[in-house]
PDB file of N, CA and C in Angstrom:
ATOM      1  N   MET A   1      80.433  13.444   9.534  1.00  0.00           N
ATOM      2  CA  MET A   1      79.283  13.083  10.327  1.00  0.00           C
ATOM      3  C   MET A   1      78.042  13.749   9.741  1.00  0.00           C
ATOM      4  N   LYS A   2      76.963  12.997   9.712  1.00  0.00           N
ATOM      5  CA  LYS A   2      75.672  13.521   9.275  1.00  0.00           C
ATOM      6  C   LYS A   2      74.681  13.356  10.417  1.00  0.00           C
ATOM      7  N   ILE A   3      73.767  14.308  10.520  1.00  0.00           N
ATOM      8  CA  ILE A   3      72.727  14.244  11.544  1.00  0.00           C
ATOM      9  C   ILE A   3      71.377  14.424  10.855  1.00  0.00           C
ATOM     10  N   HIS A   4      70.515  13.433  10.991  1.00  0.00           N
ATOM     11  CA  HIS A   4      69.157  13.503  10.455  1.00  0.00           C
ATOM     12  C   HIS A   4      68.223  13.680  11.647  1.00  0.00           C
ATOM     13  N   GLN A   5      67.303  14.600  11.525  1.00  0.00           N
ATOM     14  CA  GLN A   5      66.424  14.923  12.640  1.00  0.00           C
ATOM     15  C   GLN A   5      64.974  14.770  12.211  1.00  0.00           C
ATOM     16  N   ARG A   6      64.175  14.190  13.102  1.00  0.00           N
ATOM     17  CA  ARG A   6      62.742  14.086  12.858  1.00  0.00           C
ATOM     18  C   ARG A   6      62.020  13.992  14.203  1.00  0.00           C
ATOM     19  N   GLN A   7      60.710  14.099  14.156  1.00  0.00           N
ATOM     20  CA  GLN A   7      59.920  13.971  15.370  1.00  0.00           C
ATOM     21  C   GLN A   7      58.905  12.867  15.160  1.00  0.00           C
ATOM     22  N   ASP A   8      58.675  12.081  16.199  1.00  0.00           N
ATOM     23  CA  ASP A   8      57.721  10.981  16.129  1.00  0.00           C
ATOM     24  C   ASP A   8      56.903  10.975  17.416  1.00  0.00           C
ATOM     25  N   LYS A   9      55.677  11.414  17.336  1.00  0.00           N
ATOM     26  CA  LYS A   9      54.737  11.395  18.461  1.00  0.00           C
ATOM     27  C   LYS A   9      55.354  11.949  19.741  1.00  0.00           C
ATOM     28  N   GLY A  10      55.888  13.154  19.639  1.00  0.00           N
ATOM     29  CA  GLY A  10      56.414  13.827  20.814  1.00  0.00           C
ATOM     30  C   GLY A  10      57.854  13.503  21.171  1.00  0.00           C
ATOM     31  N   VAL A  11      58.501  12.660  20.380  1.00  0.00           N
ATOM     32  CA  VAL A  11      59.906  12.315  20.632  1.00  0.00           C
ATOM     33  C   VAL A  11      60.762  12.953  19.535  1.00  0.00           C
ATOM     34  N   GLN A  12      61.755  13.729  19.960  1.00  0.00           N
ATOM     35  CA  GLN A  12      62.715  14.329  19.027  1.00  0.00           C
ATOM     36  C   GLN A  12      63.790  13.271  18.753  1.00  0.00           C
ATOM     37  N   ILE A  13      63.929  12.853  17.498  1.00  0.00           N
ATOM     38  CA  ILE A  13      64.860  11.787  17.130  1.00  0.00           C
ATOM     39  C   ILE A  13      65.994  12.361  16.297  1.00  0.00           C
ATOM     40  N   TYR A  14      67.218  12.015  16.697  1.00  0.00           N
ATOM     41  CA  TYR A  14      68.415  12.393  15.944  1.00  0.00           C
ATOM     42  C   TYR A  14      69.105  11.105  15.527  1.00  0.00           C
ATOM     43  N   GLU A  15      69.252  10.910  14.230  1.00  0.00           N
ATOM     44  CA  GLU A  15      70.013   9.767  13.721  1.00  0.00           C
ATOM     45  C   GLU A  15      71.371  10.300  13.272  1.00  0.00           C
ATOM     46  N   VAL A  16      72.410   9.772  13.908  1.00  0.00           N
ATOM     47  CA  VAL A  16      73.768  10.248  13.642  1.00  0.00           C
ATOM     48  C   VAL A  16      74.488   9.195  12.807  1.00  0.00           C
ATOM     49  N   GLU A  17      75.236   9.641  11.803  1.00  0.00           N
ATOM     50  CA  GLU A  17      76.006   8.757  10.916  1.00  0.00           C
ATOM     51  C   GLU A  17      77.462   9.166  10.910  1.00  0.00           C
ATOM     52  N   GLY A  18      78.356   8.173  10.852  1.00  0.00           N
ATOM     53  CA  GLY A  18      79.785   8.458  10.710  1.00  0.00           C
ATOM     54  C   GLY A  18      80.513   8.437  12.039  1.00  0.00           C
ATOM     55  N   GLU A  19      81.565   9.226  12.131  1.00  0.00           N
ATOM     56  CA  GLU A  19      82.368   9.299  13.342  1.00  0.00           C
ATOM     57  C   GLU A  19      82.023  10.564  14.118  1.00  0.00           C
ATOM     58  N   ILE A  20      82.024  10.445  15.438  1.00  0.00           N
ATOM     59  CA  ILE A  20      81.837  11.616  16.296  1.00  0.00           C
ATOM     60  C   ILE A  20      83.181  11.885  16.947  1.00  0.00           C
ATOM     61  N   ASN A  21      83.781  13.008  16.581  1.00  0.00           N
ATOM     62  CA  ASN A  21      85.128  13.301  17.074  1.00  0.00           C
ATOM     63  C   ASN A  21      85.286  14.790  17.378  1.00  0.00           C
ATOM     64  N   PHE A  22      86.485  15.155  17.767  1.00  0.00           N
ATOM     65  CA  PHE A  22      86.819  16.524  18.152  1.00  0.00           C
ATOM     66  C   PHE A  22      86.438  17.539  17.080  1.00  0.00           C
ATOM     67  N   HIS A  23      86.571  17.162  15.825  1.00  0.00           N
ATOM     68  CA  HIS A  23      86.320  18.096  14.732  1.00  0.00           C
ATOM     69  C   HIS A  23      84.836  18.362  14.482  1.00  0.00           C
ATOM     70  N   ASN A  24      84.003  17.342  14.710  1.00  0.00           N
ATOM     71  CA  ASN A  24      82.594  17.542  14.376  1.00  0.00           C
ATOM     72  C   ASN A  24      81.641  17.493  15.570  1.00  0.00           C
ATOM     73  N   SER A  25      82.138  17.164  16.747  1.00  0.00           N
ATOM     74  CA  SER A  25      81.235  17.110  17.907  1.00  0.00           C
ATOM     75  C   SER A  25      80.583  18.471  18.208  1.00  0.00           C
ATOM     76  N   PRO A  26      81.227  19.619  17.914  1.00  0.00           N
ATOM     77  CA  PRO A  26      80.514  20.892  18.116  1.00  0.00           C
ATOM     78  C   PRO A  26      79.234  21.005  17.280  1.00  0.00           C
ATOM     79  N   ASP A  27      79.217  20.410  16.085  1.00  0.00           N
ATOM     80  CA  ASP A  27      78.002  20.423  15.262  1.00  0.00           C
ATOM     81  C   ASP A  27      76.881  19.647  15.952  1.00  0.00           C
ATOM     82  N   LEU A  28      77.227  18.486  16.492  1.00  0.00           N
ATOM     83  CA  LEU A  28      76.244  17.676  17.210  1.00  0.00           C
ATOM     84  C   LEU A  28      75.777  18.420  18.456  1.00  0.00           C
ATOM     85  N   ARG A  29      76.691  19.010  19.180  1.00  0.00           N
ATOM     86  CA  ARG A  29      76.347  19.783  20.383  1.00  0.00           C
ATOM     87  C   ARG A  29      75.352  20.897  20.028  1.00  0.00           C
ATOM     88  N   ASP A  30      75.611  21.609  18.944  1.00  0.00           N
ATOM     89  CA  ASP A  30      74.719  22.688  18.527  1.00  0.00           C
ATOM     90  C   ASP A  30      73.311  22.174  18.230  1.00  0.00           C
ATOM     91  N   ARG A  31      73.228  21.050  17.536  1.00  0.00           N
ATOM     92  CA  ARG A  31      71.916  20.481  17.197  1.00  0.00           C
ATOM     93  C   ARG A  31      71.159  20.061  18.453  1.00  0.00           C
ATOM     94  N   LEU A  32      71.867  19.427  19.382  1.00  0.00           N
ATOM     95  CA  LEU A  32      71.220  18.996  20.620  1.00  0.00           C
ATOM     96  C   LEU A  32      70.812  20.200  21.470  1.00  0.00           C
ATOM     97  N   HIS A  33      71.638  21.231  21.475  1.00  0.00           N
ATOM     98  CA  HIS A  33      71.309  22.431  22.252  1.00  0.00           C
ATOM     99  C   HIS A  33      70.054  23.112  21.726  1.00  0.00           C
ATOM    100  N   GLU A  34      69.785  22.982  20.439  1.00  0.00           N
ATOM    101  CA  GLU A  34      68.541  23.536  19.891  1.00  0.00           C
ATOM    102  C   GLU A  34      67.330  22.859  20.535  1.00  0.00           C
ATOM    103  N   ALA A  35      67.368  21.550  20.648  1.00  0.00           N
ATOM    104  CA  ALA A  35      66.268  20.810  21.286  1.00  0.00           C
ATOM    105  C   ALA A  35      66.190  21.139  22.770  1.00  0.00           C
ATOM    106  N   ILE A  36      67.341  21.258  23.403  1.00  0.00           N
ATOM    107  CA  ILE A  36      67.385  21.579  24.826  1.00  0.00           C
ATOM    108  C   ILE A  36      66.846  22.989  25.068  1.00  0.00           C
ATOM    109  N   ALA A  37      67.181  23.922  24.206  1.00  0.00           N
ATOM    110  CA  ALA A  37      66.678  25.296  24.338  1.00  0.00           C
ATOM    111  C   ALA A  37      65.153  25.334  24.224  1.00  0.00           C
ATOM    112  N   ARG A  38      64.584  24.418  23.440  1.00  0.00           N
ATOM    113  CA  ARG A  38      63.123  24.323  23.306  1.00  0.00           C
ATOM    114  C   ARG A  38      62.517  23.501  24.444  1.00  0.00           C
ATOM    115  N   ARG A  39      63.397  22.991  25.326  1.00  0.00           N
ATOM    116  CA  ARG A  39      62.993  22.156  26.461  1.00  0.00           C
ATOM    117  C   ARG A  39      62.220  20.912  26.000  1.00  0.00           C
ATOM    118  N   GLU A  40      62.721  20.296  24.929  1.00  0.00           N
ATOM    119  CA  GLU A  40      62.128  19.045  24.450  1.00  0.00           C
ATOM    120  C   GLU A  40      62.194  18.029  25.585  1.00  0.00           C
ATOM    121  N   GLN A  41      61.077  17.405  25.887  1.00  0.00           N
ATOM    122  CA  GLN A  41      61.008  16.479  27.014  1.00  0.00           C
ATOM    123  C   GLN A  41      61.589  15.103  26.694  1.00  0.00           C
ATOM    124  N   LYS A  42      61.536  14.721  25.421  1.00  0.00           N
ATOM    125  CA  LYS A  42      61.951  13.377  25.036  1.00  0.00           C
ATOM    126  C   LYS A  42      62.880  13.456  23.836  1.00  0.00           C
ATOM    127  N   ILE A  43      64.137  13.090  24.065  1.00  0.00           N
ATOM    128  CA  ILE A  43      65.149  13.130  23.005  1.00  0.00           C
ATOM    129  C   ILE A  43      65.744  11.734  22.856  1.00  0.00           C
ATOM    130  N   LEU A  44      65.752  11.243  21.630  1.00  0.00           N
ATOM    131  CA  LEU A  44      66.336   9.938  21.326  1.00  0.00           C
ATOM    132  C   LEU A  44      67.455  10.149  20.306  1.00  0.00           C
ATOM    133  N   ILE A  45      68.602   9.556  20.575  1.00  0.00           N
ATOM    134  CA  ILE A  45      69.734   9.669  19.658  1.00  0.00           C
ATOM    135  C   ILE A  45      70.076   8.270  19.166  1.00  0.00           C
ATOM    136  N   GLN A  46      69.886   8.076  17.885  1.00  0.00           N
ATOM    137  CA  GLN A  46      70.096   6.789  17.230  1.00  0.00           C
ATOM    138  C   GLN A  46      71.546   6.733  16.743  1.00  0.00           C
ATOM    139  N   LEU A  47      72.303   5.740  17.221  1.00  0.00           N
ATOM    140  CA  LEU A  47      73.737   5.672  16.927  1.00  0.00           C
ATOM    141  C   LEU A  47      74.129   4.436  16.119  1.00  0.00           C
ATOM    142  N   ARG A  48      73.182   3.811  15.467  1.00  0.00           N
ATOM    143  CA  ARG A  48      73.482   2.563  14.749  1.00  0.00           C
ATOM    144  C   ARG A  48      74.464   2.741  13.595  1.00  0.00           C
ATOM    145  N   LYS A  49      74.614   3.972  13.104  1.00  0.00           N
ATOM    146  CA  LYS A  49      75.525   4.220  11.988  1.00  0.00           C
ATOM    147  C   LYS A  49      76.770   4.992  12.419  1.00  0.00           C
ATOM    148  N   VAL A  50      77.029   5.003  13.735  1.00  0.00           N
ATOM    149  CA  VAL A  50      78.225   5.665  14.262  1.00  0.00           C
ATOM    150  C   VAL A  50      79.277   4.597  14.524  1.00  0.00           C
ATOM    151  N   SER A  51      80.399   4.714  13.833  1.00  0.00           N
ATOM    152  CA  SER A  51      81.447   3.696  13.933  1.00  0.00           C
ATOM    153  C   SER A  51      82.533   4.044  14.947  1.00  0.00           C
ATOM    154  N   TYR A  52      82.583   5.318  15.377  1.00  0.00           N
ATOM    155  CA  TYR A  52      83.658   5.758  16.268  1.00  0.00           C
ATOM    156  C   TYR A  52      83.188   6.967  17.074  1.00  0.00           C
ATOM    157  N   ILE A  53      83.610   7.024  18.331  1.00  0.00           N
ATOM    158  CA  ILE A  53      83.352   8.199  19.158  1.00  0.00           C
ATOM    159  C   ILE A  53      84.572   8.444  20.032  1.00  0.00           C
ATOM    160  N   ASP A  54      84.970   9.709  20.175  1.00  0.00           N
ATOM    161  CA  ASP A  54      86.095  10.021  21.053  1.00  0.00           C
ATOM    162  C   ASP A  54      85.574  10.748  22.304  1.00  0.00           C
ATOM    163  N   SER A  55      86.488  11.203  23.137  1.00  0.00           N
ATOM    164  CA  SER A  55      86.096  11.816  24.406  1.00  0.00           C
ATOM    165  C   SER A  55      85.279  13.094  24.214  1.00  0.00           C
ATOM    166  N   SER A  56      85.512  13.821  23.142  1.00  0.00           N
ATOM    167  CA  SER A  56      84.712  15.031  22.914  1.00  0.00           C
ATOM    168  C   SER A  56      83.270  14.662  22.568  1.00  0.00           C
ATOM    169  N   GLY A  57      83.087  13.551  21.882  1.00  0.00           N
ATOM    170  CA  GLY A  57      81.734  13.066  21.604  1.00  0.00           C
ATOM    171  C   GLY A  57      81.036  12.625  22.876  1.00  0.00           C
ATOM    172  N   LEU A  58      81.774  11.915  23.735  1.00  0.00           N
ATOM    173  CA  LEU A  58      81.209  11.518  25.023  1.00  0.00           C
ATOM    174  C   LEU A  58      80.800  12.744  25.828  1.00  0.00           C
ATOM    175  N   ALA A  59      81.681  13.750  25.844  1.00  0.00           N
ATOM    176  CA  ALA A  59      81.393  14.982  26.588  1.00  0.00           C
ATOM    177  C   ALA A  59      80.133  15.668  26.057  1.00  0.00           C
ATOM    178  N   THR A  60      79.928  15.634  24.757  1.00  0.00           N
ATOM    179  CA  THR A  60      78.728  16.215  24.162  1.00  0.00           C
ATOM    180  C   THR A  60      77.476  15.541  24.700  1.00  0.00           C
ATOM    181  N   PHE A  61      77.504  14.206  24.771  1.00  0.00           N
ATOM    182  CA  PHE A  61      76.345  13.472  25.279  1.00  0.00           C
ATOM    183  C   PHE A  61      76.150  13.695  26.776  1.00  0.00           C
ATOM    184  N   VAL A  62      77.227  13.719  27.544  1.00  0.00           N
ATOM    185  CA  VAL A  62      77.123  13.955  28.991  1.00  0.00           C
ATOM    186  C   VAL A  62      76.509  15.329  29.247  1.00  0.00           C
ATOM    187  N   GLU A  63      76.985  16.335  28.529  1.00  0.00           N
ATOM    188  CA  GLU A  63      76.450  17.688  28.684  1.00  0.00           C
ATOM    189  C   GLU A  63      74.963  17.734  28.333  1.00  0.00           C
ATOM    190  N   ALA A  64      74.580  17.091  27.242  1.00  0.00           N
ATOM    191  CA  ALA A  64      73.169  17.067  26.829  1.00  0.00           C
ATOM    192  C   ALA A  64      72.313  16.367  27.885  1.00  0.00           C
ATOM    193  N   LEU A  65      72.827  15.265  28.436  1.00  0.00           N
ATOM    194  CA  LEU A  65      72.079  14.537  29.461  1.00  0.00           C
ATOM    195  C   LEU A  65      71.891  15.407  30.703  1.00  0.00           C
ATOM    196  N   GLN A  66      72.948  16.058  31.141  1.00  0.00           N
ATOM    197  CA  GLN A  66      72.855  16.925  32.321  1.00  0.00           C
ATOM    198  C   GLN A  66      71.844  18.044  32.107  1.00  0.00           C
ATOM    199  N   LYS A  67      71.873  18.651  30.942  1.00  0.00           N
ATOM    200  CA  LYS A  67      70.962  19.768  30.666  1.00  0.00           C
ATOM    201  C   LYS A  67      69.510  19.308  30.579  1.00  0.00           C
ATOM    202  N   THR A  68      69.269  18.146  29.976  1.00  0.00           N
ATOM    203  CA  THR A  68      67.880  17.666  29.887  1.00  0.00           C
ATOM    204  C   THR A  68      67.353  17.287  31.270  1.00  0.00           C
ATOM    205  N   LYS A  69      68.213  16.742  32.101  1.00  0.00           N
ATOM    206  CA  LYS A  69      67.775  16.368  33.454  1.00  0.00           C
ATOM    207  C   LYS A  69      67.417  17.594  34.286  1.00  0.00           C
ATOM    208  N   LYS A  70      68.062  18.717  34.016  1.00  0.00           N
ATOM    209  CA  LYS A  70      67.779  19.943  34.776  1.00  0.00           C
ATOM    210  C   LYS A  70      66.328  20.376  34.626  1.00  0.00           C
ATOM    211  N   TYR A  71      65.715  20.112  33.470  1.00  0.00           N
ATOM    212  CA  TYR A  71      64.309  20.486  33.287  1.00  0.00           C
ATOM    213  C   TYR A  71      63.406  19.242  33.223  1.00  0.00           C
ATOM    214  N   GLN A  72      63.882  18.142  33.822  1.00  0.00           N
ATOM    215  CA  GLN A  72      63.142  16.881  33.902  1.00  0.00           C
ATOM    216  C   GLN A  72      62.840  16.274  32.528  1.00  0.00           C
ATOM    217  N   GLY A  73      63.730  16.537  31.565  1.00  0.00           N
ATOM    218  CA  GLY A  73      63.621  15.898  30.259  1.00  0.00           C
ATOM    219  C   GLY A  73      64.286  14.531  30.292  1.00  0.00           C
ATOM    220  N   HIS A  74      64.128  13.791  29.216  1.00  0.00           N
ATOM    221  CA  HIS A  74      64.692  12.442  29.129  1.00  0.00           C
ATOM    222  C   HIS A  74      65.463  12.289  27.825  1.00  0.00           C
ATOM    223  N   LEU A  75      66.607  11.615  27.905  1.00  0.00           N
ATOM    224  CA  LEU A  75      67.456  11.382  26.748  1.00  0.00           C
ATOM    225  C   LEU A  75      67.821   9.905  26.710  1.00  0.00           C
ATOM    226  N   VAL A  76      67.627   9.288  25.555  1.00  0.00           N
ATOM    227  CA  VAL A  76      67.933   7.865  25.376  1.00  0.00           C
ATOM    228  C   VAL A  76      68.848   7.711  24.168  1.00  0.00           C
ATOM    229  N   LEU A  77      69.858   6.865  24.301  1.00  0.00           N
ATOM    230  CA  LEU A  77      70.747   6.508  23.195  1.00  0.00           C
ATOM    231  C   LEU A  77      70.374   5.110  22.735  1.00  0.00           C
ATOM    232  N   THR A  78      70.268   4.919  21.425  1.00  0.00           N
ATOM    233  CA  THR A  78      69.876   3.601  20.927  1.00  0.00           C
ATOM    234  C   THR A  78      70.887   3.045  19.924  1.00  0.00           C
ATOM    235  N   GLU A  79      70.885   1.726  19.839  1.00  0.00           N
ATOM    236  CA  GLU A  79      71.562   0.968  18.788  1.00  0.00           C
ATOM    237  C   GLU A  79      73.059   1.268  18.688  1.00  0.00           C
ATOM    238  N   LEU A  80      73.742   1.268  19.818  1.00  0.00           N
ATOM    239  CA  LEU A  80      75.184   1.524  19.808  1.00  0.00           C
ATOM    240  C   LEU A  80      75.921   0.349  19.175  1.00  0.00           C
ATOM    241  N   MET A  81      76.786   0.642  18.227  1.00  0.00           N
ATOM    242  CA  MET A  81      77.633  -0.397  17.639  1.00  0.00           C
ATOM    243  C   MET A  81      78.599  -0.883  18.726  1.00  0.00           C
ATOM    244  N   PRO A  82      79.089  -2.124  18.628  1.00  0.00           N
ATOM    245  CA  PRO A  82      79.959  -2.666  19.679  1.00  0.00           C
ATOM    246  C   PRO A  82      81.153  -1.780  20.042  1.00  0.00           C
ATOM    247  N   ALA A  83      81.831  -1.197  19.057  1.00  0.00           N
ATOM    248  CA  ALA A  83      82.997  -0.360  19.356  1.00  0.00           C
ATOM    249  C   ALA A  83      82.593   0.894  20.123  1.00  0.00           C
ATOM    250  N   VAL A  84      81.449   1.458  19.786  1.00  0.00           N
ATOM    251  CA  VAL A  84      80.961   2.662  20.465  1.00  0.00           C
ATOM    252  C   VAL A  84      80.480   2.307  21.866  1.00  0.00           C
ATOM    253  N   LYS A  85      79.764   1.213  21.981  1.00  0.00           N
ATOM    254  CA  LYS A  85      79.289   0.775  23.300  1.00  0.00           C
ATOM    255  C   LYS A  85      80.472   0.511  24.227  1.00  0.00           C
ATOM    256  N   SER A  86      81.518  -0.058  23.687  1.00  0.00           N
ATOM    257  CA  SER A  86      82.722  -0.334  24.465  1.00  0.00           C
ATOM    258  C   SER A  86      83.322   0.952  25.041  1.00  0.00           C
ATOM    259  N   VAL A  87      83.327   2.013  24.269  1.00  0.00           N
ATOM    260  CA  VAL A  87      83.854   3.304  24.745  1.00  0.00           C
ATOM    261  C   VAL A  87      83.007   3.803  25.921  1.00  0.00           C
ATOM    262  N   PHE A  88      81.684   3.677  25.817  1.00  0.00           N
ATOM    263  CA  PHE A  88      80.813   4.073  26.927  1.00  0.00           C
ATOM    264  C   PHE A  88      81.096   3.220  28.162  1.00  0.00           C
ATOM    265  N   GLU A  89      81.322   1.927  27.957  1.00  0.00           N
ATOM    266  CA  GLU A  89      81.594   1.033  29.085  1.00  0.00           C
ATOM    267  C   GLU A  89      82.936   1.352  29.735  1.00  0.00           C
ATOM    268  N   ILE A  90      83.968   1.576  28.934  1.00  0.00           N
ATOM    269  CA  ILE A  90      85.294   1.896  29.471  1.00  0.00           C
ATOM    270  C   ILE A  90      85.244   3.192  30.278  1.00  0.00           C
ATOM    271  N   ALA A  91      84.462   4.167  29.796  1.00  0.00           N
ATOM    272  CA  ALA A  91      84.323   5.445  30.495  1.00  0.00           C
ATOM    273  C   ALA A  91      83.325   5.361  31.654  1.00  0.00           C
ATOM    274  N   LYS A  92      82.749   4.178  31.849  1.00  0.00           N
ATOM    275  CA  LYS A  92      81.758   3.943  32.906  1.00  0.00           C
ATOM    276  C   LYS A  92      80.515   4.838  32.745  1.00  0.00           C
ATOM    277  N   LEU A  93      80.158   5.102  31.505  1.00  0.00           N
ATOM    278  CA  LEU A  93      78.982   5.922  31.217  1.00  0.00           C
ATOM    279  C   LEU A  93      77.759   5.081  30.864  1.00  0.00           C
ATOM    280  N   ASP A  94      77.958   3.785  30.678  1.00  0.00           N
ATOM    281  CA  ASP A  94      76.839   2.918  30.306  1.00  0.00           C
ATOM    282  C   ASP A  94      75.802   2.830  31.425  1.00  0.00           C
ATOM    283  N   GLY A  95      76.206   3.091  32.663  1.00  0.00           N
ATOM    284  CA  GLY A  95      75.267   3.067  33.775  1.00  0.00           C
ATOM    285  C   GLY A  95      74.582   4.407  34.016  1.00  0.00           C
ATOM    286  N   ILE A  96      75.051   5.442  33.362  1.00  0.00           N
ATOM    287  CA  ILE A  96      74.501   6.790  33.536  1.00  0.00           C
ATOM    288  C   ILE A  96      73.426   7.079  32.495  1.00  0.00           C
ATOM    289  N   PHE A  97      73.648   6.589  31.278  1.00  0.00           N
ATOM    290  CA  PHE A  97      72.715   6.833  30.179  1.00  0.00           C
ATOM    291  C   PHE A  97      71.662   5.740  30.111  1.00  0.00           C
ATOM    292  N   SER A  98      70.502   6.094  29.603  1.00  0.00           N
ATOM    293  CA  SER A  98      69.498   5.105  29.229  1.00  0.00           C
ATOM    294  C   SER A  98      69.882   4.624  27.839  1.00  0.00           C
ATOM    295  N   LEU A  99      70.220   3.329  27.740  1.00  0.00           N
ATOM    296  CA  LEU A  99      70.625   2.738  26.464  1.00  0.00           C
ATOM    297  C   LEU A  99      69.570   1.732  26.036  1.00  0.00           C
ATOM    298  N   ALA A 100      69.280   1.700  24.751  1.00  0.00           N
ATOM    299  CA  ALA A 100      68.309   0.754  24.216  1.00  0.00           C
ATOM    300  C   ALA A 100      68.903   0.088  22.981  1.00  0.00           C
ATOM    301  N   GLY A 101      68.570  -1.174  22.803  1.00  0.00           N
ATOM    302  CA  GLY A 101      69.122  -1.947  21.703  1.00  0.00           C
ATOM    303  C   GLY A 101      68.461  -1.691  20.355  1.00  0.00           C
ATOM    304  N   SER A 102      67.277  -1.084  20.378  1.00  0.00           N
ATOM    305  CA  SER A 102      66.577  -0.819  19.121  1.00  0.00           C
ATOM    306  C   SER A 102      65.843   0.517  19.214  1.00  0.00           C
ATOM    307  N   LEU A 103      65.472   1.033  18.072  1.00  0.00           N
ATOM    308  CA  LEU A 103      64.698   2.273  18.027  1.00  0.00           C
ATOM    309  C   LEU A 103      63.388   2.079  18.773  1.00  0.00           C
ATOM    310  N   GLU A 104      62.721   0.972  18.515  1.00  0.00           N
ATOM    311  CA  GLU A 104      61.430   0.697  19.143  1.00  0.00           C
ATOM    312  C   GLU A 104      61.546   0.646  20.665  1.00  0.00           C
ATOM    313  N   SER A 105      62.568  -0.035  21.173  1.00  0.00           N
ATOM    314  CA  SER A 105      62.707  -0.110  22.632  1.00  0.00           C
ATOM    315  C   SER A 105      63.069   1.250  23.221  1.00  0.00           C
ATOM    316  N   GLY A 106      63.819   2.054  22.494  1.00  0.00           N
ATOM    317  CA  GLY A 106      64.122   3.410  22.943  1.00  0.00           C
ATOM    318  C   GLY A 106      62.873   4.283  23.007  1.00  0.00           C
ATOM    319  N   LEU A 107      62.040   4.181  21.982  1.00  0.00           N
ATOM    320  CA  LEU A 107      60.788   4.929  21.968  1.00  0.00           C
ATOM    321  C   LEU A 107      59.884   4.473  23.112  1.00  0.00           C
ATOM    322  N   ASN A 108      59.836   3.172  23.359  1.00  0.00           N
ATOM    323  CA  ASN A 108      59.026   2.655  24.458  1.00  0.00           C
ATOM    324  C   ASN A 108      59.516   3.176  25.804  1.00  0.00           C
ATOM    325  N   LEU A 109      60.839   3.247  25.978  1.00  0.00           N
ATOM    326  CA  LEU A 109      61.400   3.808  27.218  1.00  0.00           C
ATOM    327  C   LEU A 109      60.927   5.240  27.426  1.00  0.00           C
ATOM    328  N   LEU A 110      60.957   6.021  26.364  1.00  0.00           N
ATOM    329  CA  LEU A 110      60.574   7.426  26.467  1.00  0.00           C
ATOM    330  C   LEU A 110      59.067   7.618  26.629  1.00  0.00           C
ATOM    331  N   ARG A 111      58.302   6.711  26.107  1.00  0.00           N
ATOM    332  CA  ARG A 111      56.840   6.866  26.152  1.00  0.00           C
ATOM    333  C   ARG A 111      56.200   6.201  27.356  1.00  0.00           C
ATOM    334  N   SER A 112      56.972   5.401  28.094  1.00  0.00           N
ATOM    335  CA  SER A 112      56.392   4.727  29.253  1.00  0.00           C
ATOM    336  C   SER A 112      56.170   5.743  30.372  1.00  0.00           C
ATOM    337  N   PRO A 113      55.074   5.569  31.103  1.00  0.00           N
ATOM    338  CA  PRO A 113      54.805   6.515  32.197  1.00  0.00           C
ATOM    339  C   PRO A 113      55.876   6.402  33.283  1.00  0.00           C
ATOM    340  N   GLY A 114      56.174   7.532  33.899  1.00  0.00           N
ATOM    341  CA  GLY A 114      57.127   7.564  35.007  1.00  0.00           C
ATOM    342  C   GLY A 114      58.477   7.641  34.484  1.00  0.00           C
TER     343      GLY A 114
END
């Protein structure tokens, strides 16, 4: 798994590549916790290059979402591949997360007032 990080007009963007699984999800958790520790208000995680996610990956995202909500931050997941989106749907997490079909729509969600 690779994680590319950048900032775009106040939005912290993480582009994740590869598989998110038990072996590497702690790396992703650590990266997200860095943004959470800084109390980043807007976090976008781009998943268009993620082909697989297991329960530890889901747990990483759930934990990040809970922590950002505690300080009124916002987290959006974008561009989920069908197999990854299916895992979120089976776990009934698709209704908990803000999901966007494109980077642009994810950025718009985060930048819209309210």
